[in-house]
Each structure stands twice: as C-alpha cells, then as structure tokens.
Amino acid sequence: MAFPQNRLVPLDVLAREWMNNNPATIDLRIYLIENLFPSLIMGLEKLLTEAEKRELVDTETAVSNFNPVNYLAQYLMRNNPRYSNFPEASPYAKGLRKVAEDLKSEIFEIDANRLVTLKASAQVKRMEREKMERMKGEELERRGQMLENVFVTWAQNEDTIPLTMVSIGYELPWFVFEPPEKC
C-alpha cells in the first residue's frame, strides 16, 4: 500500500507546488483552484482508494471490470459542485482554498500597484504638459514684446512708418515667429 505513505507530505506544499511553477495567468489559476481542482482532487482520491480496495495498485495488467476513467467521470458527474453542496472533506481542498485566497490578494496588490503607477504617470504627463504650455506662453509674450519694441522704433517720426522699415517688416515675422531651436 503506497498510498498512505504519500499522505505524509505536507498538504500545503502539495497545494502550492503546482501553482508556483505554472506559467498560467493568475486569473486562470484562481479559476482552476476554485472550480476544478477541489472536485477533481476528491475524485482522484476516491479513485485511488477504490483501486486499493480492489488491490489494483500493484497489478500491471488492465482489469476488465474496472475502468479508472469511467470511475472518475462517474464521480465527477455525481459530485458536480454546481448541483451538490457537500462540505470539503479533503485537507488538500482546504489547502487549495487557502492558495486561492492568497492568489486573490496577490491580484488586488497587482491591481493596486498598476493603479498607483498609472496615476503617477498621468501626473508626470500633466506636469510636463503644463510646463510646455507655460514655456509657449512665455515665448509668445517675449515675441510680442520684441514686436512692440520694433514698432516703437519704426513709428518715431510723427506716427508714420518709413518705407524701408515696412520692407524690413515683411521679413521680420519669419524671424520672430520661427519656432525656437532646441538645444
């Protein structure tokens, strides 16, 4: 009887072992732990105890009156968690419930971390946008001041503008309103 020796392994270790090495997403792992594993593990336990009762554990040949796949399928059909409300008798199922709770708390921590990083990145982008708007406003103010100074020098002679200043003025907007070069 090899089955009782396997029961000496701590059940929490068994419950966490598959979850730590599995590359599946956390959501998928939680679904498997909550919905599939409890009934499947209980079915496999029943299958092993039935195989031990019939003394089929040590035999290498197939027995015609016992089909393990059919036995497991019948057990899963009879003990469907949707239609039966039976208490969890297996300590392994209790360990799986604990693992599911840990994974759910891990999901909430990951979501909280994502939310914090999103808020921080949004704040940084907002500050950069405000800085750029402030710099554009200052640049427009500076250019306006330059135009005002040029206009004052043009209009020194009795509120008239000399023709040479007008010809220079046609070229001035391209110089003044050209975007500043980046350093």
N, C-alpha and C. Protein backbone atom coordinates (compact mmCIF):
# COMPACT_ATOMS: atom_id res chain seq x y z
N MET A 1 0.83 -1.19 0.00
CA MET A 1 0.00 0.00 0.00
C MET A 1 0.87 1.25 0.00
N ALA A 2 1.06 1.82 -1.14
CA ALA A 2 1.91 3.00 -1.28
C ALA A 2 1.15 4.29 -0.99
N PHE A 3 -0.14 4.26 -1.01
CA PHE A 3 -0.95 5.47 -0.86
C PHE A 3 -0.81 6.13 0.51
N PRO A 4 -0.84 5.41 1.65
CA PRO A 4 -0.70 6.09 2.95
C PRO A 4 0.65 6.76 3.12
N GLN A 5 1.70 6.27 2.49
CA GLN A 5 3.00 6.92 2.61
C GLN A 5 3.00 8.29 1.93
N ASN A 6 2.24 8.42 0.88
CA ASN A 6 2.17 9.70 0.18
C ASN A 6 1.45 10.75 1.02
N ARG A 7 0.64 10.35 1.96
CA ARG A 7 -0.11 11.29 2.79
C ARG A 7 0.79 11.99 3.81
N LEU A 8 2.04 11.53 3.95
CA LEU A 8 2.94 12.15 4.90
C LEU A 8 3.50 13.48 4.40
N VAL A 9 3.37 13.75 3.12
CA VAL A 9 3.85 15.01 2.55
C VAL A 9 2.91 16.12 3.01
N PRO A 10 3.46 17.26 3.48
CA PRO A 10 2.58 18.36 3.92
C PRO A 10 1.65 18.80 2.80
N LEU A 11 0.38 18.95 3.13
CA LEU A 11 -0.63 19.24 2.12
C LEU A 11 -0.51 20.65 1.57
N ASP A 12 -0.05 21.59 2.39
CA ASP A 12 0.12 22.96 1.89
C ASP A 12 1.18 23.01 0.80
N VAL A 13 2.23 22.21 0.96
CA VAL A 13 3.28 22.16 -0.05
C VAL A 13 2.72 21.60 -1.35
N LEU A 14 1.89 20.56 -1.25
CA LEU A 14 1.28 20.00 -2.45
C LEU A 14 0.36 21.00 -3.13
N ALA A 15 -0.37 21.74 -2.34
CA ALA A 15 -1.33 22.70 -2.90
C ALA A 15 -0.61 23.84 -3.61
N ARG A 16 0.53 24.27 -3.09
CA ARG A 16 1.24 25.41 -3.68
C ARG A 16 2.22 25.02 -4.78
N GLU A 17 2.62 23.76 -4.80
CA GLU A 17 3.66 23.33 -5.73
C GLU A 17 3.27 23.58 -7.18
N TRP A 18 2.08 23.17 -7.57
CA TRP A 18 1.67 23.34 -8.95
C TRP A 18 1.46 24.81 -9.29
N MET A 19 0.99 25.57 -8.34
CA MET A 19 0.68 26.98 -8.60
C MET A 19 1.94 27.82 -8.77
N ASN A 20 3.02 27.47 -8.11
CA ASN A 20 4.24 28.27 -8.21
C ASN A 20 4.98 28.05 -9.52
N ASN A 21 4.89 26.87 -10.09
CA ASN A 21 5.64 26.55 -11.30
C ASN A 21 4.81 26.69 -12.57
N ASN A 22 3.57 27.10 -12.46
CA ASN A 22 2.68 27.16 -13.61
C ASN A 22 2.78 28.53 -14.28
N PRO A 23 2.99 28.57 -15.60
CA PRO A 23 3.09 29.86 -16.29
C PRO A 23 1.74 30.50 -16.60
N ALA A 24 0.64 29.88 -16.18
CA ALA A 24 -0.69 30.43 -16.48
C ALA A 24 -0.90 31.74 -15.72
N THR A 25 -1.85 32.52 -16.18
CA THR A 25 -2.14 33.79 -15.53
C THR A 25 -2.77 33.56 -14.17
N ILE A 26 -2.75 34.59 -13.36
CA ILE A 26 -3.30 34.47 -12.01
C ILE A 26 -4.80 34.22 -12.08
N ASP A 27 -5.50 34.88 -13.00
CA ASP A 27 -6.94 34.67 -13.13
C ASP A 27 -7.27 33.22 -13.47
N LEU A 28 -6.51 32.64 -14.39
CA LEU A 28 -6.73 31.25 -14.76
C LEU A 28 -6.44 30.33 -13.59
N ARG A 29 -5.37 30.60 -12.86
CA ARG A 29 -5.05 29.76 -11.71
C ARG A 29 -6.14 29.82 -10.65
N ILE A 30 -6.68 31.02 -10.41
CA ILE A 30 -7.76 31.14 -9.43
C ILE A 30 -8.98 30.36 -9.89
N TYR A 31 -9.31 30.46 -11.17
CA TYR A 31 -10.46 29.71 -11.69
C TYR A 31 -10.26 28.22 -11.48
N LEU A 32 -9.07 27.71 -11.82
CA LEU A 32 -8.80 26.28 -11.66
C LEU A 32 -8.89 25.86 -10.20
N ILE A 33 -8.33 26.68 -9.32
CA ILE A 33 -8.33 26.32 -7.90
C ILE A 33 -9.74 26.34 -7.32
N GLU A 34 -10.53 27.34 -7.69
CA GLU A 34 -11.87 27.45 -7.11
C GLU A 34 -12.86 26.46 -7.70
N ASN A 35 -12.78 26.21 -9.00
CA ASN A 35 -13.83 25.44 -9.66
C ASN A 35 -13.46 24.01 -10.02
N LEU A 36 -12.25 23.78 -10.44
CA LEU A 36 -11.90 22.47 -10.97
C LEU A 36 -11.19 21.57 -9.95
N PHE A 37 -10.15 22.08 -9.35
CA PHE A 37 -9.30 21.23 -8.52
C PHE A 37 -10.00 20.60 -7.32
N PRO A 38 -10.83 21.29 -6.56
CA PRO A 38 -11.42 20.62 -5.40
C PRO A 38 -12.17 19.35 -5.76
N SER A 39 -13.03 19.39 -6.76
CA SER A 39 -13.78 18.18 -7.11
C SER A 39 -12.87 17.16 -7.81
N LEU A 40 -11.93 17.62 -8.61
CA LEU A 40 -11.03 16.70 -9.30
C LEU A 40 -10.12 15.96 -8.32
N ILE A 41 -9.57 16.68 -7.36
CA ILE A 41 -8.69 16.04 -6.37
C ILE A 41 -9.47 15.04 -5.52
N MET A 42 -10.68 15.44 -5.12
CA MET A 42 -11.51 14.50 -4.34
C MET A 42 -11.81 13.25 -5.19
N GLY A 43 -12.08 13.44 -6.48
CA GLY A 43 -12.35 12.30 -7.36
C GLY A 43 -11.13 11.41 -7.51
N LEU A 44 -9.96 12.01 -7.63
CA LEU A 44 -8.74 11.21 -7.73
C LEU A 44 -8.46 10.46 -6.43
N GLU A 45 -8.76 11.09 -5.30
CA GLU A 45 -8.61 10.40 -4.01
C GLU A 45 -9.52 9.18 -3.94
N LYS A 46 -10.78 9.37 -4.35
CA LYS A 46 -11.74 8.25 -4.34
C LYS A 46 -11.29 7.16 -5.30
N LEU A 47 -10.77 7.56 -6.45
CA LEU A 47 -10.28 6.59 -7.43
C LEU A 47 -9.13 5.77 -6.85
N LEU A 48 -8.21 6.43 -6.17
CA LEU A 48 -7.08 5.70 -5.58
C LEU A 48 -7.54 4.77 -4.46
N THR A 49 -8.46 5.22 -3.63
CA THR A 49 -8.95 4.34 -2.56
C THR A 49 -9.70 3.15 -3.14
N GLU A 50 -10.46 3.36 -4.21
CA GLU A 50 -11.17 2.24 -4.86
C GLU A 50 -10.17 1.27 -5.49
N ALA A 51 -9.11 1.81 -6.09
CA ALA A 51 -8.09 0.93 -6.68
C ALA A 51 -7.38 0.14 -5.59
N GLU A 52 -7.18 0.73 -4.42
CA GLU A 52 -6.56 0.00 -3.31
C GLU A 52 -7.50 -1.07 -2.77
N LYS A 53 -8.79 -0.76 -2.68
CA LYS A 53 -9.76 -1.75 -2.19
C LYS A 53 -9.79 -2.97 -3.11
N ARG A 54 -9.70 -2.74 -4.39
CA ARG A 54 -9.75 -3.84 -5.36
C ARG A 54 -8.36 -4.44 -5.60
N GLU A 55 -7.37 -3.94 -4.88
CA GLU A 55 -5.99 -4.41 -4.98
C GLU A 55 -5.45 -4.33 -6.41
N LEU A 56 -5.70 -3.16 -7.03
CA LEU A 56 -5.26 -2.94 -8.41
C LEU A 56 -4.02 -2.06 -8.49
N VAL A 57 -3.52 -1.61 -7.34
CA VAL A 57 -2.39 -0.69 -7.34
C VAL A 57 -1.11 -1.38 -7.81
N ASP A 58 -0.90 -2.60 -7.38
CA ASP A 58 0.34 -3.31 -7.70
C ASP A 58 0.27 -4.10 -9.00
N THR A 59 -0.91 -4.25 -9.59
CA THR A 59 -1.01 -5.02 -10.83
C THR A 59 -0.64 -4.16 -12.02
N GLU A 60 0.01 -4.78 -12.99
CA GLU A 60 0.43 -4.06 -14.18
C GLU A 60 -0.51 -4.28 -15.36
N THR A 61 -1.34 -5.26 -15.27
CA THR A 61 -2.27 -5.55 -16.37
C THR A 61 -3.60 -4.84 -16.12
N ALA A 62 -4.30 -4.57 -17.18
CA ALA A 62 -5.60 -3.92 -17.08
C ALA A 62 -6.66 -4.93 -16.64
N VAL A 63 -7.55 -4.47 -15.80
CA VAL A 63 -8.64 -5.32 -15.31
C VAL A 63 -9.88 -4.96 -16.10
N SER A 64 -10.58 -5.96 -16.58
CA SER A 64 -11.71 -5.69 -17.46
C SER A 64 -12.93 -5.13 -16.73
N ASN A 65 -13.06 -5.40 -15.44
CA ASN A 65 -14.27 -4.93 -14.74
C ASN A 65 -14.08 -3.58 -14.05
N PHE A 66 -12.93 -2.93 -14.22
CA PHE A 66 -12.71 -1.62 -13.59
C PHE A 66 -12.01 -0.70 -14.58
N ASN A 67 -12.69 0.38 -14.93
CA ASN A 67 -12.13 1.38 -15.83
C ASN A 67 -11.95 2.67 -15.03
N PRO A 68 -10.71 3.09 -14.75
CA PRO A 68 -10.49 4.27 -13.90
C PRO A 68 -11.04 5.56 -14.51
N VAL A 69 -11.01 5.67 -15.82
CA VAL A 69 -11.54 6.89 -16.46
C VAL A 69 -13.05 6.96 -16.25
N ASN A 70 -13.74 5.84 -16.44
CA ASN A 70 -15.19 5.83 -16.21
C ASN A 70 -15.52 6.09 -14.75
N TYR A 71 -14.73 5.50 -13.84
CA TYR A 71 -14.98 5.71 -12.42
C TYR A 71 -14.84 7.19 -12.06
N LEU A 72 -13.78 7.82 -12.55
CA LEU A 72 -13.56 9.24 -12.28
C LEU A 72 -14.67 10.09 -12.90
N ALA A 73 -15.07 9.76 -14.11
CA ALA A 73 -16.15 10.51 -14.77
C ALA A 73 -17.45 10.38 -13.99
N GLN A 74 -17.76 9.18 -13.52
CA GLN A 74 -18.99 8.99 -12.73
C GLN A 74 -18.93 9.78 -11.44
N TYR A 75 -17.77 9.77 -10.79
CA TYR A 75 -17.64 10.53 -9.54
C TYR A 75 -17.85 12.03 -9.79
N LEU A 76 -17.23 12.54 -10.85
CA LEU A 76 -17.36 13.97 -11.15
C LEU A 76 -18.79 14.33 -11.52
N MET A 77 -19.49 13.43 -12.21
CA MET A 77 -20.90 13.70 -12.55
C MET A 77 -21.76 13.70 -11.29
N ARG A 78 -21.53 12.77 -10.39
CA ARG A 78 -22.34 12.68 -9.16
C ARG A 78 -22.05 13.84 -8.21
N ASN A 79 -20.82 14.29 -8.18
CA ASN A 79 -20.42 15.33 -7.22
C ASN A 79 -20.10 16.65 -7.92
N ASN A 80 -20.92 17.01 -8.86
CA ASN A 80 -20.75 18.28 -9.57
C ASN A 80 -20.95 19.42 -8.57
N PRO A 81 -19.98 20.32 -8.42
CA PRO A 81 -20.11 21.38 -7.43
C PRO A 81 -21.26 22.35 -7.71
N ARG A 82 -21.74 22.41 -8.93
CA ARG A 82 -22.88 23.28 -9.22
C ARG A 82 -24.17 22.76 -8.61
N TYR A 83 -24.29 21.44 -8.54
CA TYR A 83 -25.56 20.85 -8.12
C TYR A 83 -25.51 20.19 -6.74
N SER A 84 -24.35 20.07 -6.16
CA SER A 84 -24.27 19.48 -4.83
C SER A 84 -23.60 20.47 -3.88
N ASN A 85 -24.03 20.45 -2.67
CA ASN A 85 -23.49 21.36 -1.67
C ASN A 85 -22.87 20.53 -0.55
N PHE A 86 -21.82 19.80 -0.87
CA PHE A 86 -21.19 18.95 0.13
C PHE A 86 -20.00 19.66 0.75
N PRO A 87 -19.75 19.42 2.03
CA PRO A 87 -18.60 20.06 2.68
C PRO A 87 -17.30 19.44 2.17
N GLU A 88 -16.25 20.24 2.20
CA GLU A 88 -14.95 19.76 1.75
C GLU A 88 -14.36 18.84 2.82
N ALA A 89 -14.22 17.58 2.47
CA ALA A 89 -13.69 16.61 3.42
C ALA A 89 -12.18 16.46 3.29
N SER A 90 -11.62 16.90 2.20
CA SER A 90 -10.20 16.70 1.95
C SER A 90 -9.39 17.86 2.50
N PRO A 91 -8.31 17.56 3.23
CA PRO A 91 -7.44 18.64 3.67
C PRO A 91 -6.74 19.32 2.49
N TYR A 92 -6.56 18.59 1.41
CA TYR A 92 -5.96 19.18 0.21
C TYR A 92 -6.87 20.26 -0.36
N ALA A 93 -8.17 20.03 -0.33
CA ALA A 93 -9.12 21.03 -0.82
C ALA A 93 -9.08 22.27 0.06
N LYS A 94 -8.89 22.08 1.35
CA LYS A 94 -8.76 23.24 2.25
C LYS A 94 -7.48 24.02 1.93
N GLY A 95 -6.41 23.30 1.62
CA GLY A 95 -5.16 23.95 1.22
C GLY A 95 -5.33 24.72 -0.09
N LEU A 96 -6.11 24.14 -1.01
CA LEU A 96 -6.39 24.84 -2.27
C LEU A 96 -7.18 26.12 -2.03
N ARG A 97 -8.12 26.08 -1.09
CA ARG A 97 -8.89 27.28 -0.79
C ARG A 97 -7.97 28.37 -0.25
N LYS A 98 -7.00 27.99 0.59
CA LYS A 98 -6.04 28.96 1.13
C LYS A 98 -5.17 29.54 0.01
N VAL A 99 -4.74 28.70 -0.92
CA VAL A 99 -3.95 29.17 -2.05
C VAL A 99 -4.77 30.14 -2.90
N ALA A 100 -6.05 29.84 -3.10
CA ALA A 100 -6.92 30.73 -3.88
C ALA A 100 -7.05 32.09 -3.20
N GLU A 101 -7.19 32.09 -1.88
CA GLU A 101 -7.26 33.37 -1.16
C GLU A 101 -5.97 34.16 -1.32
N ASP A 102 -4.83 33.48 -1.24
CA ASP A 102 -3.54 34.16 -1.42
C ASP A 102 -3.41 34.74 -2.83
N LEU A 103 -3.85 33.97 -3.83
CA LEU A 103 -3.78 34.48 -5.20
C LEU A 103 -4.70 35.67 -5.41
N LYS A 104 -5.87 35.65 -4.78
CA LYS A 104 -6.79 36.79 -4.90
C LYS A 104 -6.18 38.04 -4.28
N SER A 105 -5.54 37.87 -3.12
CA SER A 105 -4.89 39.04 -2.51
C SER A 105 -3.74 39.53 -3.38
N GLU A 106 -3.04 38.61 -4.05
CA GLU A 106 -1.96 39.00 -4.96
C GLU A 106 -2.52 39.79 -6.14
N ILE A 107 -3.68 39.39 -6.65
CA ILE A 107 -4.31 40.13 -7.75
C ILE A 107 -4.64 41.54 -7.31
N PHE A 108 -5.21 41.68 -6.11
CA PHE A 108 -5.56 43.01 -5.63
C PHE A 108 -4.31 43.87 -5.45
N GLU A 109 -3.21 43.28 -4.99
CA GLU A 109 -1.96 44.03 -4.84
C GLU A 109 -1.43 44.47 -6.21
N ILE A 110 -1.50 43.58 -7.19
CA ILE A 110 -1.03 43.92 -8.53
C ILE A 110 -1.88 45.03 -9.12
N ASP A 111 -3.21 44.92 -8.95
CA ASP A 111 -4.10 45.97 -9.46
C ASP A 111 -3.84 47.29 -8.77
N ALA A 112 -3.59 47.26 -7.46
CA ALA A 112 -3.30 48.49 -6.73
C ALA A 112 -1.99 49.10 -7.23
N ASN A 113 -0.98 48.26 -7.47
CA ASN A 113 0.29 48.76 -7.99
C ASN A 113 0.12 49.36 -9.39
N ARG A 114 -0.68 48.72 -10.22
CA ARG A 114 -0.93 49.27 -11.56
C ARG A 114 -1.63 50.62 -11.46
N LEU A 115 -2.59 50.71 -10.55
CA LEU A 115 -3.32 51.96 -10.39
C LEU A 115 -2.39 53.08 -9.93
N VAL A 116 -1.51 52.77 -8.99
CA VAL A 116 -0.56 53.77 -8.50
C VAL A 116 0.38 54.22 -9.62
N THR A 117 0.89 53.28 -10.40
CA THR A 117 1.79 53.66 -11.49
C THR A 117 1.06 54.46 -12.57
N LEU A 118 -0.18 54.10 -12.86
CA LEU A 118 -0.95 54.87 -13.84
C LEU A 118 -1.19 56.29 -13.35
N LYS A 119 -1.53 56.44 -12.07
CA LYS A 119 -1.76 57.78 -11.52
C LYS A 119 -0.47 58.59 -11.55
N ALA A 120 0.64 57.97 -11.20
CA ALA A 120 1.92 58.68 -11.20
C ALA A 120 2.31 59.11 -12.62
N SER A 121 2.14 58.22 -13.58
CA SER A 121 2.49 58.58 -14.95
C SER A 121 1.56 59.67 -15.49
N ALA A 122 0.29 59.63 -15.11
CA ALA A 122 -0.64 60.69 -15.54
C ALA A 122 -0.25 62.03 -14.94
N GLN A 123 0.18 62.02 -13.69
CA GLN A 123 0.59 63.26 -13.04
C GLN A 123 1.86 63.81 -13.70
N VAL A 124 2.81 62.95 -14.02
CA VAL A 124 4.04 63.40 -14.68
C VAL A 124 3.71 63.99 -16.05
N LYS A 125 2.84 63.33 -16.81
CA LYS A 125 2.46 63.86 -18.12
C LYS A 125 1.75 65.20 -18.00
N ARG A 126 0.88 65.33 -16.99
CA ARG A 126 0.18 66.59 -16.79
C ARG A 126 1.16 67.71 -16.45
N MET A 127 2.14 67.42 -15.59
CA MET A 127 3.13 68.43 -15.23
C MET A 127 3.97 68.83 -16.44
N GLU A 128 4.35 67.86 -17.28
CA GLU A 128 5.11 68.18 -18.49
C GLU A 128 4.28 69.03 -19.44
N ARG A 129 3.01 68.69 -19.60
CA ARG A 129 2.13 69.47 -20.48
C ARG A 129 1.98 70.90 -19.98
N GLU A 130 1.80 71.06 -18.65
CA GLU A 130 1.68 72.40 -18.08
C GLU A 130 2.97 73.20 -18.27
N LYS A 131 4.11 72.54 -18.13
CA LYS A 131 5.40 73.21 -18.32
C LYS A 131 5.55 73.67 -19.77
N MET A 132 5.17 72.80 -20.73
CA MET A 132 5.25 73.17 -22.15
C MET A 132 4.31 74.33 -22.46
N GLU A 133 3.10 74.32 -21.90
CA GLU A 133 2.16 75.42 -22.13
C GLU A 133 2.70 76.72 -21.54
N ARG A 134 3.30 76.64 -20.37
CA ARG A 134 3.88 77.82 -19.74
C ARG A 134 5.03 78.37 -20.58
N MET A 135 5.88 77.48 -21.10
CA MET A 135 7.00 77.90 -21.93
C MET A 135 6.51 78.54 -23.23
N LYS A 136 5.45 77.97 -23.84
CA LYS A 136 4.89 78.56 -25.05
C LYS A 136 4.32 79.94 -24.77
N GLY A 137 3.64 80.09 -23.64
CA GLY A 137 3.09 81.40 -23.27
C GLY A 137 4.19 82.42 -23.06
N GLU A 138 5.26 82.03 -22.38
CA GLU A 138 6.39 82.94 -22.17
C GLU A 138 7.04 83.32 -23.50
N GLU A 139 7.17 82.37 -24.42
CA GLU A 139 7.77 82.64 -25.72
C GLU A 139 6.90 83.60 -26.52
N LEU A 140 5.58 83.40 -26.51
CA LEU A 140 4.69 84.32 -27.21
C LEU A 140 4.75 85.72 -26.60
N GLU A 141 4.84 85.79 -25.29
CA GLU A 141 4.96 87.09 -24.61
C GLU A 141 6.26 87.78 -25.02
N ARG A 142 7.36 87.03 -25.08
CA ARG A 142 8.66 87.60 -25.46
C ARG A 142 8.62 88.10 -26.90
N ARG A 143 8.04 87.33 -27.80
CA ARG A 143 7.95 87.74 -29.20
C ARG A 143 7.06 88.98 -29.35
N GLY A 144 5.97 89.01 -28.60
CA GLY A 144 5.11 90.19 -28.64
C GLY A 144 5.84 91.43 -28.16
N GLN A 145 6.64 91.28 -27.11
CA GLN A 145 7.43 92.40 -26.59
C GLN A 145 8.45 92.86 -27.63
N MET A 146 9.07 91.93 -28.32
CA MET A 146 10.03 92.28 -29.37
C MET A 146 9.35 93.06 -30.49
N LEU A 147 8.16 92.61 -30.91
CA LEU A 147 7.43 93.32 -31.96
C LEU A 147 7.03 94.72 -31.51
N GLU A 148 6.64 94.83 -30.26
CA GLU A 148 6.26 96.15 -29.73
C GLU A 148 7.46 97.09 -29.75
N ASN A 149 8.62 96.60 -29.34
CA ASN A 149 9.84 97.42 -29.36
C ASN A 149 10.21 97.83 -30.78
N VAL A 150 10.10 96.92 -31.73
CA VAL A 150 10.41 97.23 -33.12
C VAL A 150 9.42 98.26 -33.66
N PHE A 151 8.15 98.11 -33.35
CA PHE A 151 7.15 99.05 -33.84
C PHE A 151 7.39 100.45 -33.29
N VAL A 152 7.79 100.53 -32.03
CA VAL A 152 8.08 101.84 -31.43
C VAL A 152 9.24 102.50 -32.17
N THR A 153 10.28 101.75 -32.53
CA THR A 153 11.40 102.35 -33.26
C THR A 153 10.99 102.72 -34.68
N TRP A 154 10.06 102.02 -35.27
CA TRP A 154 9.58 102.36 -36.62
C TRP A 154 8.76 103.65 -36.62
N ALA A 155 7.96 103.80 -35.63
CA ALA A 155 7.00 104.91 -35.61
C ALA A 155 7.53 106.13 -34.86
N GLN A 156 8.82 106.45 -34.97
CA GLN A 156 9.37 107.60 -34.26
C GLN A 156 9.04 108.92 -34.95
N ASN A 157 8.85 108.92 -36.25
CA ASN A 157 8.64 110.16 -37.00
C ASN A 157 7.15 110.44 -37.16
N GLU A 158 6.55 111.12 -36.26
CA GLU A 158 5.19 111.63 -36.34
C GLU A 158 4.17 110.57 -36.74
N ASP A 159 4.20 109.46 -36.10
CA ASP A 159 3.24 108.37 -36.31
C ASP A 159 3.21 107.86 -37.75
N THR A 160 4.30 107.95 -38.45
CA THR A 160 4.39 107.38 -39.80
C THR A 160 5.53 106.37 -39.81
N ILE A 161 5.42 105.44 -40.70
CA ILE A 161 6.44 104.40 -40.81
C ILE A 161 7.16 104.59 -42.13
N PRO A 162 8.50 104.69 -42.10
CA PRO A 162 9.25 104.83 -43.35
C PRO A 162 9.12 103.57 -44.20
N LEU A 163 9.21 103.74 -45.52
CA LEU A 163 9.05 102.64 -46.47
C LEU A 163 10.12 101.57 -46.28
N THR A 164 11.32 101.95 -45.94
CA THR A 164 12.39 100.96 -45.72
C THR A 164 12.07 100.07 -44.53
N MET A 165 11.45 100.63 -43.51
CA MET A 165 11.08 99.83 -42.34
C MET A 165 9.97 98.84 -42.68
N VAL A 166 9.07 99.22 -43.59
CA VAL A 166 7.99 98.31 -43.99
C VAL A 166 8.57 97.13 -44.75
N SER A 167 9.54 97.40 -45.64
CA SER A 167 10.14 96.30 -46.40
C SER A 167 10.90 95.36 -45.46
N ILE A 168 11.54 95.89 -44.44
CA ILE A 168 12.21 95.03 -43.45
C ILE A 168 11.16 94.27 -42.64
N GLY A 169 10.03 94.91 -42.40
CA GLY A 169 8.97 94.29 -41.61
C GLY A 169 8.37 93.05 -42.26
N TYR A 170 8.40 92.98 -43.60
CA TYR A 170 7.90 91.79 -44.27
C TYR A 170 8.75 90.56 -43.95
N GLU A 171 10.02 90.76 -43.73
CA GLU A 171 10.91 89.65 -43.39
C GLU A 171 10.94 89.36 -41.90
N LEU A 172 10.55 90.31 -41.09
CA LEU A 172 10.63 90.17 -39.64
C LEU A 172 9.74 89.07 -39.07
N PRO A 173 8.50 88.91 -39.50
CA PRO A 173 7.67 87.86 -38.89
C PRO A 173 8.27 86.47 -39.05
N TRP A 174 8.94 86.22 -40.16
CA TRP A 174 9.55 84.90 -40.32
C TRP A 174 10.65 84.69 -39.30
N PHE A 175 11.34 85.74 -38.96
CA PHE A 175 12.40 85.63 -37.97
C PHE A 175 11.82 85.54 -36.56
N VAL A 176 10.84 86.38 -36.26
CA VAL A 176 10.31 86.45 -34.90
C VAL A 176 9.44 85.24 -34.57
N PHE A 177 8.61 84.80 -35.51
CA PHE A 177 7.67 83.73 -35.21
C PHE A 177 8.19 82.34 -35.56
N GLU A 178 9.45 82.27 -35.93
CA GLU A 178 10.03 80.96 -36.20
C GLU A 178 10.19 80.24 -34.86
N PRO A 179 9.85 78.96 -34.81
CA PRO A 179 9.97 78.25 -33.52
C PRO A 179 11.42 78.21 -33.04
N PRO A 180 11.61 78.30 -31.74
CA PRO A 180 12.98 78.30 -31.22
C PRO A 180 13.66 76.97 -31.48
N GLU A 181 14.95 77.03 -31.73
CA GLU A 181 15.71 75.82 -31.97
C GLU A 181 15.95 75.13 -30.64
N LYS A 182 15.90 73.81 -30.68
CA LYS A 182 16.12 73.03 -29.46
C LYS A 182 17.61 72.90 -29.21
N CYS A 183 17.97 72.99 -27.96
CA CYS A 183 19.39 72.91 -27.60
C CYS A 183 19.85 71.49 -27.57
